[in-house]
């Protein structure tokens, strides 16, 4: 893979993390997901912050800030 392809793949993964996180924090807890939902949300939050650190951006942290303002 070329450097550009790696960067595109990284950006696509990061976007997926951001979309999944946003979707999950708005998911209602039900008896079928009450044990796993909070852990999945925290896991995506950790991954997003880690990706921000690795690519030296604040995209995920900005998303968190925007969601807190809502």
PDB file of N, CA and C in Angstrom:
ATOM      1  N   UNK A   1       0.838  -1.187   0.000  1.00  0.00           N
ATOM      2  CA  UNK A   1       0.000   0.000   0.000  1.00  0.00           C
ATOM      3  C   UNK A   1       0.880   1.246   0.000  1.00  0.00           C
ATOM      4  N   UNK A   2       0.382   2.247  -0.659  1.00  0.00           N
ATOM      5  CA  UNK A   2       1.083   3.522  -0.675  1.00  0.00           C
ATOM      6  C   UNK A   2       0.693   4.331   0.552  1.00  0.00           C
ATOM      7  N   UNK A   3       1.530   5.310   0.888  1.00  0.00           N
ATOM      8  CA  UNK A   3       1.267   6.149   2.062  1.00  0.00           C
ATOM      9  C   UNK A   3      -0.125   6.755   2.018  1.00  0.00           C
ATOM     10  N   UNK A   4      -0.538   7.195   0.854  1.00  0.00           N
ATOM     11  CA  UNK A   4      -1.862   7.823   0.712  1.00  0.00           C
ATOM     12  C   UNK A   4      -2.968   6.813   1.028  1.00  0.00           C
ATOM     13  N   UNK A   5      -2.787   5.578   0.609  1.00  0.00           N
ATOM     14  CA  UNK A   5      -3.788   4.543   0.880  1.00  0.00           C
ATOM     15  C   UNK A   5      -3.885   4.259   2.373  1.00  0.00           C
ATOM     16  N   UNK A   6      -2.739   4.257   3.067  1.00  0.00           N
ATOM     17  CA  UNK A   6      -2.750   4.064   4.517  1.00  0.00           C
ATOM     18  C   UNK A   6      -3.481   5.211   5.205  1.00  0.00           C
ATOM     19  N   UNK A   7      -3.204   6.427   4.752  1.00  0.00           N
ATOM     20  CA  UNK A   7      -3.858   7.595   5.339  1.00  0.00           C
ATOM     21  C   UNK A   7      -5.369   7.548   5.104  1.00  0.00           C
ATOM     22  N   UNK A   8      -5.768   7.174   3.904  1.00  0.00           N
ATOM     23  CA  UNK A   8      -7.198   7.061   3.601  1.00  0.00           C
ATOM     24  C   UNK A   8      -7.860   5.992   4.466  1.00  0.00           C
ATOM     25  N   UNK A   9      -7.182   4.857   4.639  1.00  0.00           N
ATOM     26  CA  UNK A   9      -7.725   3.779   5.476  1.00  0.00           C
ATOM     27  C   UNK A   9      -7.842   4.239   6.925  1.00  0.00           C
ATOM     28  N   UNK A  10      -6.831   4.957   7.411  1.00  0.00           N
ATOM     29  CA  UNK A  10      -6.847   5.487   8.783  1.00  0.00           C
ATOM     30  C   UNK A  10      -8.033   6.428   8.966  1.00  0.00           C
ATOM     31  N   UNK A  11      -8.187   7.361   8.026  1.00  0.00           N
ATOM     32  CA  UNK A  11      -9.272   8.333   8.125  1.00  0.00           C
ATOM     33  C   UNK A  11     -10.641   7.658   8.070  1.00  0.00           C
ATOM     34  N   UNK A  12     -10.758   6.623   7.264  1.00  0.00           N
ATOM     35  CA  UNK A  12     -12.018   5.883   7.187  1.00  0.00           C
ATOM     36  C   UNK A  12     -12.314   5.165   8.507  1.00  0.00           C
ATOM     37  N   UNK A  13     -11.283   4.567   9.100  1.00  0.00           N
ATOM     38  CA  UNK A  13     -11.478   3.904  10.396  1.00  0.00           C
ATOM     39  C   UNK A  13     -11.862   4.908  11.468  1.00  0.00           C
ATOM     40  N   UNK A  14     -11.216   6.066  11.474  1.00  0.00           N
ATOM     41  CA  UNK A  14     -11.512   7.081  12.476  1.00  0.00           C
ATOM     42  C   UNK A  14     -12.944   7.592  12.314  1.00  0.00           C
ATOM     43  N   UNK A  15     -13.367   7.787  11.087  1.00  0.00           N
ATOM     44  CA  UNK A  15     -14.739   8.217  10.836  1.00  0.00           C
ATOM     45  C   UNK A  15     -15.720   7.158  11.322  1.00  0.00           C
ATOM     46  N   UNK A  16     -15.403   5.890  11.088  1.00  0.00           N
ATOM     47  CA  UNK A  16     -16.257   4.800  11.573  1.00  0.00           C
ATOM     48  C   UNK A  16     -16.374   4.830  13.094  1.00  0.00           C
ATOM     49  N   UNK A  17     -15.261   5.068  13.778  1.00  0.00           N
ATOM     50  CA  UNK A  17     -15.275   5.145  15.243  1.00  0.00           C
ATOM     51  C   UNK A  17     -16.162   6.303  15.693  1.00  0.00           C
ATOM     52  N   UNK A  18     -16.035   7.444  15.035  1.00  0.00           N
ATOM     53  CA  UNK A  18     -16.823   8.615  15.407  1.00  0.00           C
ATOM     54  C   UNK A  18     -18.319   8.385  15.164  1.00  0.00           C
ATOM     55  N   UNK A  19     -18.652   7.773  14.049  1.00  0.00           N
ATOM     56  CA  UNK A  19     -20.058   7.487  13.738  1.00  0.00           C
ATOM     57  C   UNK A  19     -20.621   6.472  14.721  1.00  0.00           C
ATOM     58  N   UNK A  20     -19.872   5.399  14.969  1.00  0.00           N
ATOM     59  CA  UNK A  20     -20.342   4.367  15.904  1.00  0.00           C
ATOM     60  C   UNK A  20     -20.517   4.932  17.307  1.00  0.00           C
ATOM     61  N   UNK A  21     -19.574   5.765  17.747  1.00  0.00           N
ATOM     62  CA  UNK A  21     -19.672   6.362  19.077  1.00  0.00           C
ATOM     63  C   UNK A  21     -20.931   7.220  19.177  1.00  0.00           C
ATOM     64  N   UNK A  22     -21.143   8.068  18.186  1.00  0.00           N
ATOM     65  CA  UNK A  22     -22.316   8.946  18.190  1.00  0.00           C
ATOM     66  C   UNK A  22     -23.607   8.135  18.201  1.00  0.00           C
ATOM     67  N   UNK A  23     -23.640   7.079  17.427  1.00  0.00           N
ATOM     68  CA  UNK A  23     -24.839   6.229  17.375  1.00  0.00           C
ATOM     69  C   UNK A  23     -25.072   5.538  18.715  1.00  0.00           C
ATOM     70  N   UNK A  24     -24.010   5.020  19.315  1.00  0.00           N
ATOM     71  CA  UNK A  24     -24.174   4.260  20.554  1.00  0.00           C
ATOM     72  C   UNK A  24     -24.549   5.127  21.749  1.00  0.00           C
ATOM     73  N   UNK A  25     -24.050   6.360  21.808  1.00  0.00           N
ATOM     74  CA  UNK A  25     -24.411   7.179  22.967  1.00  0.00           C
ATOM     75  C   UNK A  25     -25.877   7.593  22.922  1.00  0.00           C
ATOM     76  N   UNK A  26     -26.482   7.496  21.746  1.00  0.00           N
ATOM     77  CA  UNK A  26     -27.904   7.808  21.616  1.00  0.00           C
ATOM     78  C   UNK A  26     -28.772   6.550  21.605  1.00  0.00           C
ATOM     79  N   UNK A  27     -28.162   5.401  21.841  1.00  0.00           N
ATOM     80  CA  UNK A  27     -28.894   4.142  21.879  1.00  0.00           C
ATOM     81  C   UNK A  27     -29.476   3.942  23.271  1.00  0.00           C
ATOM     82  N   UNK A  28     -30.728   3.616  23.312  1.00  0.00           N
ATOM     83  CA  UNK A  28     -31.398   3.386  24.594  1.00  0.00           C
ATOM     84  C   UNK A  28     -30.961   2.049  25.178  1.00  0.00           C
ATOM     85  N   UNK A  29     -30.701   2.051  26.477  1.00  0.00           N
ATOM     86  CA  UNK A  29     -30.354   0.793  27.143  1.00  0.00           C
ATOM     87  C   UNK A  29     -31.600  -0.075  27.233  1.00  0.00           C
ATOM     88  N   UNK A  30     -31.423  -1.328  26.885  1.00  0.00           N
ATOM     89  CA  UNK A  30     -32.505  -2.310  26.959  1.00  0.00           C
ATOM     90  C   UNK A  30     -31.984  -3.519  27.724  1.00  0.00           C
ATOM     91  N   UNK A  31     -32.875  -4.418  28.112  1.00  0.00           N
ATOM     92  CA  UNK A  31     -32.396  -5.621  28.806  1.00  0.00           C
ATOM     93  C   UNK A  31     -31.367  -6.411  27.994  1.00  0.00           C
ATOM     94  N   UNK A  32     -31.448  -6.333  26.676  1.00  0.00           N
ATOM     95  CA  UNK A  32     -30.520  -7.119  25.857  1.00  0.00           C
ATOM     96  C   UNK A  32     -29.146  -6.460  25.685  1.00  0.00           C
ATOM     97  N   UNK A  33     -29.036  -5.153  25.952  1.00  0.00           N
ATOM     98  CA  UNK A  33     -27.733  -4.514  25.754  1.00  0.00           C
ATOM     99  C   UNK A  33     -27.196  -3.808  26.998  1.00  0.00           C
ATOM    100  N   UNK A  34     -27.908  -3.886  28.089  1.00  0.00           N
ATOM    101  CA  UNK A  34     -27.530  -3.119  29.283  1.00  0.00           C
ATOM    102  C   UNK A  34     -26.153  -3.512  29.831  1.00  0.00           C
ATOM    103  N   UNK A  35     -25.753  -4.744  29.608  1.00  0.00           N
ATOM    104  CA  UNK A  35     -24.450  -5.187  30.119  1.00  0.00           C
ATOM    105  C   UNK A  35     -23.298  -4.795  29.197  1.00  0.00           C
ATOM    106  N   UNK A  36     -23.574  -4.640  27.912  1.00  0.00           N
ATOM    107  CA  UNK A  36     -22.490  -4.388  26.965  1.00  0.00           C
ATOM    108  C   UNK A  36     -22.409  -2.954  26.456  1.00  0.00           C
ATOM    109  N   UNK A  37     -23.519  -2.238  26.433  1.00  0.00           N
ATOM    110  CA  UNK A  37     -23.538  -0.897  25.842  1.00  0.00           C
ATOM    111  C   UNK A  37     -22.554   0.072  26.498  1.00  0.00           C
ATOM    112  N   UNK A  38     -22.553   0.213  27.823  1.00  0.00           N
ATOM    113  CA  UNK A  38     -21.606   1.166  28.428  1.00  0.00           C
ATOM    114  C   UNK A  38     -20.139   0.829  28.121  1.00  0.00           C
ATOM    115  N   UNK A  39     -19.814  -0.440  28.107  1.00  0.00           N
ATOM    116  CA  UNK A  39     -18.443  -0.852  27.803  1.00  0.00           C
ATOM    117  C   UNK A  39     -18.058  -0.556  26.368  1.00  0.00           C
ATOM    118  N   UNK A  40     -18.993  -0.760  25.455  1.00  0.00           N
ATOM    119  CA  UNK A  40     -18.726  -0.471  24.047  1.00  0.00           C
ATOM    120  C   UNK A  40     -18.535   1.022  23.828  1.00  0.00           C
ATOM    121  N   UNK A  41     -19.341   1.830  24.504  1.00  0.00           N
ATOM    122  CA  UNK A  41     -19.211   3.283  24.390  1.00  0.00           C
ATOM    123  C   UNK A  41     -17.838   3.723  24.903  1.00  0.00           C
ATOM    124  N   UNK A  42     -17.440   3.233  26.058  1.00  0.00           N
ATOM    125  CA  UNK A  42     -16.133   3.602  26.626  1.00  0.00           C
ATOM    126  C   UNK A  42     -14.986   3.121  25.746  1.00  0.00           C
ATOM    127  N   UNK A  43     -15.130   1.937  25.177  1.00  0.00           N
ATOM    128  CA  UNK A  43     -14.091   1.400  24.304  1.00  0.00           C
ATOM    129  C   UNK A  43     -13.913   2.293  23.074  1.00  0.00           C
ATOM    130  N   UNK A  44     -15.011   2.696  22.456  1.00  0.00           N
ATOM    131  CA  UNK A  44     -14.923   3.579  21.297  1.00  0.00           C
ATOM    132  C   UNK A  44     -14.351   4.943  21.681  1.00  0.00           C
ATOM    133  N   UNK A  45     -14.699   5.417  22.862  1.00  0.00           N
ATOM    134  CA  UNK A  45     -14.167   6.695  23.347  1.00  0.00           C
ATOM    135  C   UNK A  45     -12.649   6.605  23.499  1.00  0.00           C
ATOM    136  N   UNK A  46     -12.173   5.520  24.073  1.00  0.00           N
ATOM    137  CA  UNK A  46     -10.728   5.320  24.239  1.00  0.00           C
ATOM    138  C   UNK A  46     -10.023   5.217  22.885  1.00  0.00           C
ATOM    139  N   UNK A  47     -10.632   4.488  21.962  1.00  0.00           N
ATOM    140  CA  UNK A  47     -10.040   4.330  20.629  1.00  0.00           C
ATOM    141  C   UNK A  47      -9.975   5.678  19.920  1.00  0.00           C
ATOM    142  N   UNK A  48     -11.053   6.451  19.992  1.00  0.00           N
ATOM    143  CA  UNK A  48     -11.075   7.762  19.349  1.00  0.00           C
ATOM    144  C   UNK A  48     -10.017   8.693  19.905  1.00  0.00           C
ATOM    145  N   UNK A  49      -9.872   8.711  21.221  1.00  0.00           N
ATOM    146  CA  UNK A  49      -8.849   9.559  21.841  1.00  0.00           C
ATOM    147  C   UNK A  49      -7.447   9.094  21.446  1.00  0.00           C
ATOM    148  N   UNK A  50      -7.252   7.784  21.391  1.00  0.00           N
ATOM    149  CA  UNK A  50      -5.958   7.233  20.995  1.00  0.00           C
ATOM    150  C   UNK A  50      -5.632   7.618  19.552  1.00  0.00           C
ATOM    151  N   UNK A  51      -6.630   7.542  18.681  1.00  0.00           N
ATOM    152  CA  UNK A  51      -6.404   7.901  17.284  1.00  0.00           C
ATOM    153  C   UNK A  51      -6.075   9.392  17.159  1.00  0.00           C
ATOM    154  N   UNK A  52      -6.741  10.232  17.947  1.00  0.00           N
ATOM    155  CA  UNK A  52      -6.400  11.662  17.976  1.00  0.00           C
ATOM    156  C   UNK A  52      -4.938  11.852  18.362  1.00  0.00           C
ATOM    157  N   UNK A  53      -4.508  11.129  19.380  1.00  0.00           N
ATOM    158  CA  UNK A  53      -3.134  11.252  19.845  1.00  0.00           C
ATOM    159  C   UNK A  53      -2.154  10.804  18.750  1.00  0.00           C
ATOM    160  N   UNK A  54      -2.477   9.717  18.081  1.00  0.00           N
ATOM    161  CA  UNK A  54      -1.573   9.172  17.068  1.00  0.00           C
ATOM    162  C   UNK A  54      -1.485  10.045  15.824  1.00  0.00           C
ATOM    163  N   UNK A  55      -2.611  10.640  15.404  1.00  0.00           N
ATOM    164  CA  UNK A  55      -2.550  11.460  14.192  1.00  0.00           C
ATOM    165  C   UNK A  55      -2.442  12.953  14.504  1.00  0.00           C
ATOM    166  N   UNK A  56      -2.250  13.252  15.790  1.00  0.00           N
ATOM    167  CA  UNK A  56      -2.007  14.628  16.236  1.00  0.00           C
ATOM    168  C   UNK A  56      -3.124  15.584  15.807  1.00  0.00           C
ATOM    169  N   UNK A  57      -4.364  15.123  15.985  1.00  0.00           N
ATOM    170  CA  UNK A  57      -5.523  15.973  15.712  1.00  0.00           C
ATOM    171  C   UNK A  57      -6.404  15.993  16.953  1.00  0.00           C
ATOM    172  N   UNK A  58      -7.444  16.759  16.894  1.00  0.00           N
ATOM    173  CA  UNK A  58      -8.424  16.809  17.977  1.00  0.00           C
ATOM    174  C   UNK A  58      -9.821  16.505  17.457  1.00  0.00           C
ATOM    175  N   UNK A  59      -9.915  15.784  16.363  1.00  0.00           N
ATOM    176  CA  UNK A  59     -11.213  15.530  15.745  1.00  0.00           C
ATOM    177  C   UNK A  59     -12.175  14.827  16.700  1.00  0.00           C
ATOM    178  N   UNK A  60     -11.712  13.788  17.350  1.00  0.00           N
ATOM    179  CA  UNK A  60     -12.603  13.045  18.240  1.00  0.00           C
ATOM    180  C   UNK A  60     -12.918  13.858  19.489  1.00  0.00           C
ATOM    181  N   UNK A  61     -11.934  14.518  20.037  1.00  0.00           N
ATOM    182  CA  UNK A  61     -12.177  15.363  21.216  1.00  0.00           C
ATOM    183  C   UNK A  61     -13.135  16.508  20.885  1.00  0.00           C
ATOM    184  N   UNK A  62     -13.048  17.035  19.678  1.00  0.00           N
ATOM    185  CA  UNK A  62     -14.002  18.065  19.259  1.00  0.00           C
ATOM    186  C   UNK A  62     -15.410  17.487  19.179  1.00  0.00           C
ATOM    187  N   UNK A  63     -15.520  16.261  18.690  1.00  0.00           N
ATOM    188  CA  UNK A  63     -16.823  15.594  18.652  1.00  0.00           C
ATOM    189  C   UNK A  63     -17.371  15.437  20.064  1.00  0.00           C
ATOM    190  N   UNK A  64     -16.526  14.996  20.992  1.00  0.00           N
ATOM    191  CA  UNK A  64     -16.968  14.844  22.379  1.00  0.00           C
ATOM    192  C   UNK A  64     -17.452  16.175  22.942  1.00  0.00           C
ATOM    193  N   UNK A  65     -16.719  17.224  22.661  1.00  0.00           N
ATOM    194  CA  UNK A  65     -17.101  18.553  23.140  1.00  0.00           C
ATOM    195  C   UNK A  65     -18.437  18.990  22.537  1.00  0.00           C
ATOM    196  N   UNK A  66     -18.603  18.765  21.254  1.00  0.00           N
ATOM    197  CA  UNK A  66     -19.861  19.124  20.593  1.00  0.00           C
ATOM    198  C   UNK A  66     -21.034  18.338  21.164  1.00  0.00           C
ATOM    199  N   UNK A  67     -20.817  17.067  21.448  1.00  0.00           N
ATOM    200  CA  UNK A  67     -21.895  16.234  21.990  1.00  0.00           C
ATOM    201  C   UNK A  67     -22.253  16.642  23.412  1.00  0.00           C
ATOM    202  N   UNK A  68     -21.264  17.106  24.173  1.00  0.00           N
ATOM    203  CA  UNK A  68     -21.531  17.571  25.537  1.00  0.00           C
ATOM    204  C   UNK A  68     -22.346  18.854  25.522  1.00  0.00           C
ATOM    205  N   UNK A  69     -22.159  19.677  24.496  1.00  0.00           N
ATOM    206  CA  UNK A  69     -22.883  20.939  24.385  1.00  0.00           C
ATOM    207  C   UNK A  69     -24.357  20.737  24.047  1.00  0.00           C
ATOM    208  N   UNK A  70     -24.682  19.587  23.469  1.00  0.00           N
ATOM    209  CA  UNK A  70     -26.080  19.317  23.082  1.00  0.00           C
ATOM    210  C   UNK A  70     -26.958  19.112  24.239  1.00  0.00           C
TER     211      UNK A  70
END
